[in-house]
N, C-alpha and C. Protein backbone atom coordinates (compact mmCIF):
# COMPACT_ATOMS: atom_id res chain seq x y z
N MET A 1 198.87 7.57 73.30
CA MET A 1 199.33 8.91 73.58
C MET A 1 198.57 9.43 74.80
N LYS A 2 199.29 10.05 75.72
CA LYS A 2 198.69 10.67 76.90
C LYS A 2 198.08 12.01 76.51
N VAL A 3 196.98 12.36 77.18
CA VAL A 3 196.30 13.62 76.94
C VAL A 3 195.78 14.16 78.26
N ILE A 4 195.73 15.47 78.37
CA ILE A 4 195.03 16.15 79.45
C ILE A 4 193.96 16.99 78.79
N ILE A 5 192.70 16.81 79.24
CA ILE A 5 191.63 17.62 78.66
C ILE A 5 190.94 18.43 79.76
N ASP A 6 190.33 19.51 79.32
CA ASP A 6 189.41 20.27 80.15
C ASP A 6 188.05 20.07 79.51
N LEU A 7 187.14 19.44 80.23
CA LEU A 7 185.85 19.05 79.70
C LEU A 7 184.73 19.83 80.37
N CYS A 8 183.87 20.41 79.55
CA CYS A 8 182.67 21.09 80.05
C CYS A 8 181.48 20.58 79.23
N VAL A 9 180.64 19.78 79.88
CA VAL A 9 179.47 19.19 79.23
C VAL A 9 178.24 19.91 79.76
N VAL A 10 177.44 20.48 78.86
CA VAL A 10 176.26 21.26 79.27
C VAL A 10 175.01 20.65 78.65
N PRO A 11 174.17 20.03 79.48
CA PRO A 11 172.90 19.50 78.99
C PRO A 11 171.95 20.65 78.68
N LEU A 12 171.22 20.56 77.60
CA LEU A 12 170.25 21.58 77.22
C LEU A 12 168.85 20.98 77.22
N GLY A 13 167.90 21.75 77.68
CA GLY A 13 166.51 21.30 77.68
C GLY A 13 166.19 20.35 78.81
N ALA A 14 167.00 20.39 79.88
CA ALA A 14 166.78 19.47 81.00
C ALA A 14 166.71 20.20 82.33
N GLY A 15 166.34 21.47 82.31
CA GLY A 15 166.22 22.24 83.53
C GLY A 15 167.43 23.11 83.77
N LEU A 16 167.34 23.94 84.82
CA LEU A 16 168.39 24.90 85.11
C LEU A 16 169.59 24.28 85.82
N SER A 17 169.36 23.38 86.75
CA SER A 17 170.46 22.78 87.51
C SER A 17 171.09 21.64 86.71
N VAL A 18 172.40 21.63 86.66
CA VAL A 18 173.11 20.56 85.94
C VAL A 18 173.91 19.66 86.87
N SER A 19 173.81 19.88 88.17
CA SER A 19 174.67 19.14 89.11
C SER A 19 174.46 17.64 89.04
N ARG A 20 173.26 17.17 88.79
CA ARG A 20 173.05 15.71 88.71
C ARG A 20 173.75 15.12 87.48
N PHE A 21 173.83 15.89 86.41
CA PHE A 21 174.53 15.43 85.22
C PHE A 21 176.04 15.44 85.45
N VAL A 22 176.52 16.49 86.13
CA VAL A 22 177.94 16.56 86.47
C VAL A 22 178.32 15.37 87.35
N ALA A 23 177.48 15.08 88.34
CA ALA A 23 177.75 13.94 89.23
C ALA A 23 177.79 12.63 88.45
N ALA A 24 176.90 12.47 87.49
CA ALA A 24 176.89 11.26 86.67
C ALA A 24 178.18 11.13 85.88
N CYS A 25 178.64 12.23 85.28
CA CYS A 25 179.89 12.20 84.53
C CYS A 25 181.09 11.93 85.44
N GLU A 26 181.08 12.52 86.62
CA GLU A 26 182.17 12.27 87.57
C GLU A 26 182.23 10.79 87.92
N GLY A 27 181.08 10.17 88.08
CA GLY A 27 181.05 8.73 88.34
C GLY A 27 181.62 7.92 87.19
N ILE A 28 181.32 8.32 85.98
CA ILE A 28 181.84 7.64 84.79
C ILE A 28 183.36 7.75 84.74
N ILE A 29 183.88 8.94 85.03
CA ILE A 29 185.33 9.16 85.02
C ILE A 29 186.00 8.29 86.07
N LYS A 30 185.46 8.27 87.27
CA LYS A 30 186.03 7.47 88.35
C LYS A 30 185.98 5.99 88.01
N GLU A 31 184.84 5.55 87.46
CA GLU A 31 184.68 4.15 87.08
C GLU A 31 185.72 3.73 86.05
N ALA A 32 186.11 4.65 85.18
CA ALA A 32 187.12 4.36 84.16
C ALA A 32 188.53 4.34 84.74
N GLY A 33 188.67 4.81 85.98
CA GLY A 33 189.98 4.80 86.62
C GLY A 33 190.90 5.92 86.18
N LEU A 34 190.33 6.98 85.62
CA LEU A 34 191.14 8.11 85.15
C LEU A 34 191.31 9.14 86.25
N LYS A 35 192.45 9.83 86.22
CA LYS A 35 192.67 10.93 87.16
C LYS A 35 191.87 12.12 86.67
N SER A 36 191.24 12.81 87.62
CA SER A 36 190.45 13.99 87.24
C SER A 36 190.46 15.00 88.38
N MET A 37 190.15 16.24 88.00
CA MET A 37 190.02 17.33 88.96
C MET A 37 188.79 18.13 88.57
N LEU A 38 187.77 18.06 89.41
CA LEU A 38 186.55 18.83 89.19
C LEU A 38 186.81 20.29 89.54
N HIS A 39 186.30 21.21 88.73
CA HIS A 39 186.39 22.63 89.07
C HIS A 39 185.04 23.26 88.77
N ALA A 40 184.90 24.54 89.04
CA ALA A 40 183.60 25.20 88.98
C ALA A 40 182.92 25.14 87.62
N TYR A 41 183.69 25.10 86.54
CA TYR A 41 183.10 25.12 85.21
C TYR A 41 183.55 23.96 84.34
N GLY A 42 183.86 22.82 84.96
CA GLY A 42 184.25 21.66 84.18
C GLY A 42 185.10 20.70 84.98
N THR A 43 185.77 19.83 84.25
CA THR A 43 186.62 18.80 84.85
C THR A 43 187.86 18.62 83.99
N ASN A 44 189.01 18.58 84.64
CA ASN A 44 190.25 18.20 83.96
C ASN A 44 190.38 16.69 84.08
N ILE A 45 190.77 16.04 83.00
CA ILE A 45 190.94 14.59 82.97
C ILE A 45 192.26 14.28 82.30
N GLU A 46 193.00 13.32 82.85
CA GLU A 46 194.24 12.89 82.19
C GLU A 46 194.24 11.39 82.02
N GLY A 47 194.88 10.94 80.94
CA GLY A 47 194.99 9.52 80.67
C GLY A 47 195.34 9.28 79.21
N GLU A 48 195.20 8.04 78.81
CA GLU A 48 195.44 7.68 77.42
C GLU A 48 194.31 8.24 76.55
N TRP A 49 194.67 8.74 75.39
CA TRP A 49 193.73 9.41 74.48
C TRP A 49 192.42 8.65 74.31
N ASP A 50 192.51 7.38 73.91
CA ASP A 50 191.30 6.61 73.62
C ASP A 50 190.44 6.43 74.86
N GLU A 51 191.06 6.23 76.02
CA GLU A 51 190.30 6.06 77.26
C GLU A 51 189.60 7.35 77.66
N VAL A 52 190.29 8.46 77.53
CA VAL A 52 189.71 9.76 77.90
C VAL A 52 188.52 10.09 76.99
N PHE A 53 188.69 9.92 75.69
CA PHE A 53 187.60 10.27 74.79
C PHE A 53 186.46 9.25 74.82
N ALA A 54 186.74 8.01 75.25
CA ALA A 54 185.66 7.04 75.47
C ALA A 54 184.79 7.50 76.64
N VAL A 55 185.41 8.12 77.65
CA VAL A 55 184.67 8.66 78.79
C VAL A 55 183.78 9.82 78.35
N VAL A 56 184.29 10.68 77.48
CA VAL A 56 183.49 11.80 76.96
C VAL A 56 182.25 11.24 76.24
N LYS A 57 182.45 10.24 75.42
CA LYS A 57 181.32 9.63 74.70
C LYS A 57 180.32 9.02 75.68
N LYS A 58 180.82 8.31 76.70
CA LYS A 58 179.94 7.69 77.69
C LYS A 58 179.16 8.76 78.46
N CYS A 59 179.79 9.88 78.78
CA CYS A 59 179.07 10.97 79.44
C CYS A 59 177.90 11.44 78.58
N HIS A 60 178.13 11.60 77.29
CA HIS A 60 177.04 12.02 76.40
C HIS A 60 175.92 10.99 76.40
N GLU A 61 176.28 9.72 76.29
CA GLU A 61 175.26 8.67 76.25
C GLU A 61 174.41 8.67 77.52
N VAL A 62 175.07 8.76 78.67
CA VAL A 62 174.36 8.71 79.94
C VAL A 62 173.50 9.96 80.15
N ILE A 63 174.01 11.12 79.80
CA ILE A 63 173.23 12.35 79.96
C ILE A 63 171.98 12.32 79.07
N HIS A 64 172.11 11.82 77.86
CA HIS A 64 170.91 11.66 77.02
C HIS A 64 169.93 10.69 77.66
N GLU A 65 170.44 9.58 78.21
CA GLU A 65 169.57 8.61 78.88
C GLU A 65 168.87 9.23 80.09
N MET A 66 169.51 10.22 80.71
CA MET A 66 168.93 10.90 81.87
C MET A 66 167.88 11.93 81.48
N GLY A 67 167.67 12.12 80.19
CA GLY A 67 166.59 12.99 79.74
C GLY A 67 166.98 14.28 79.05
N ALA A 68 168.26 14.54 78.88
CA ALA A 68 168.67 15.76 78.17
C ALA A 68 168.56 15.52 76.66
N PRO A 69 167.73 16.29 75.97
CA PRO A 69 167.58 16.08 74.54
C PRO A 69 168.77 16.61 73.73
N ARG A 70 169.50 17.58 74.31
CA ARG A 70 170.66 18.15 73.61
C ARG A 70 171.80 18.32 74.61
N ILE A 71 173.02 18.29 74.09
CA ILE A 71 174.21 18.52 74.90
C ILE A 71 175.19 19.34 74.08
N THR A 72 175.76 20.35 74.71
CA THR A 72 176.86 21.06 74.07
C THR A 72 178.10 20.83 74.94
N THR A 73 179.20 20.51 74.31
CA THR A 73 180.42 20.18 75.03
C THR A 73 181.58 21.01 74.50
N THR A 74 182.35 21.52 75.44
CA THR A 74 183.60 22.21 75.11
C THR A 74 184.75 21.38 75.64
N ILE A 75 185.73 21.13 74.78
CA ILE A 75 186.90 20.36 75.17
C ILE A 75 188.15 21.12 74.76
N LYS A 76 189.05 21.29 75.71
CA LYS A 76 190.41 21.74 75.40
C LYS A 76 191.29 20.53 75.66
N ALA A 77 192.16 20.20 74.72
CA ALA A 77 193.01 19.02 74.86
C ALA A 77 194.47 19.39 74.62
N GLY A 78 195.33 18.81 75.43
CA GLY A 78 196.76 19.04 75.26
C GLY A 78 197.53 17.75 75.34
N THR A 79 198.50 17.61 74.44
CA THR A 79 199.41 16.46 74.46
C THR A 79 200.83 16.98 74.36
N ARG A 80 201.76 16.17 74.82
CA ARG A 80 203.17 16.48 74.60
C ARG A 80 203.93 15.18 74.50
N VAL A 81 204.95 15.18 73.68
CA VAL A 81 205.71 13.95 73.44
C VAL A 81 207.16 14.07 73.92
N ASP A 82 207.57 15.25 74.37
CA ASP A 82 208.96 15.41 74.81
C ASP A 82 209.18 14.84 76.21
N ARG A 83 208.11 14.79 77.04
CA ARG A 83 208.21 14.19 78.36
C ARG A 83 206.80 13.99 78.90
N GLU A 84 206.68 13.18 79.93
CA GLU A 84 205.39 13.00 80.57
C GLU A 84 205.13 14.16 81.52
N GLN A 85 203.88 14.60 81.56
CA GLN A 85 203.50 15.68 82.46
C GLN A 85 202.07 15.44 82.92
N SER A 86 201.86 15.48 84.23
CA SER A 86 200.53 15.28 84.79
C SER A 86 199.87 16.62 85.10
N MET A 87 198.60 16.56 85.43
CA MET A 87 197.90 17.77 85.86
C MET A 87 198.60 18.36 87.08
N GLN A 88 198.99 17.47 88.01
CA GLN A 88 199.64 17.93 89.23
C GLN A 88 200.98 18.58 88.93
N ASP A 89 201.74 18.03 87.97
CA ASP A 89 203.01 18.64 87.57
C ASP A 89 202.79 20.09 87.12
N LYS A 90 201.74 20.29 86.34
CA LYS A 90 201.46 21.64 85.83
C LYS A 90 201.11 22.59 86.97
N LEU A 91 200.31 22.13 87.92
CA LEU A 91 199.95 22.96 89.07
C LEU A 91 201.17 23.25 89.94
N ASP A 92 201.98 22.22 90.18
CA ASP A 92 203.18 22.40 91.00
C ASP A 92 204.13 23.42 90.39
N SER A 93 204.26 23.41 89.08
CA SER A 93 205.15 24.35 88.40
C SER A 93 204.73 25.80 88.66
N VAL A 94 203.43 26.06 88.54
CA VAL A 94 202.94 27.42 88.77
C VAL A 94 203.06 27.79 90.24
N GLU A 95 202.68 26.88 91.12
CA GLU A 95 202.78 27.17 92.56
C GLU A 95 204.22 27.42 92.98
N ASN A 96 205.15 26.68 92.39
CA ASN A 96 206.57 26.90 92.68
C ASN A 96 206.99 28.31 92.28
N LYS A 97 206.54 28.74 91.13
CA LYS A 97 206.88 30.10 90.65
C LYS A 97 206.21 31.17 91.51
N LEU A 98 205.08 30.84 92.10
CA LEU A 98 204.39 31.78 92.99
C LEU A 98 204.97 31.75 94.42
N GLY A 99 205.81 30.73 94.67
CA GLY A 99 206.39 30.58 96.00
C GLY A 99 205.43 30.04 97.03
N THR A 100 204.41 29.28 96.56
CA THR A 100 203.40 28.77 97.48
C THR A 100 203.61 27.31 97.85
N THR A 101 204.62 26.64 97.29
CA THR A 101 204.85 25.24 97.64
C THR A 101 205.80 25.17 98.82
N GLN A 102 205.70 24.10 99.54
CA GLN A 102 206.55 23.89 100.73
C GLN A 102 207.80 23.15 100.34
């Protein structure tokens, strides 16, 4: 089953800046070959359910290895079975309604 998630992983007890942890997770996502879109407070990821959630698990493992004793993660997940829809399809739909697409 295809899924699109919005992932926000927050290391706790590892200092104020989290950018090195975000970069590590972005590398894991890219290594897995999944489509993703980084944004200011998380990352959207699309792919097969098991592959996407394996990446979430790997992010937790790596962040702990990097020294974070705790992690809190927020995930929003969406699936649909009536048709395939990508992250870009969703963005294009809104932009079309706003009249911003060419």
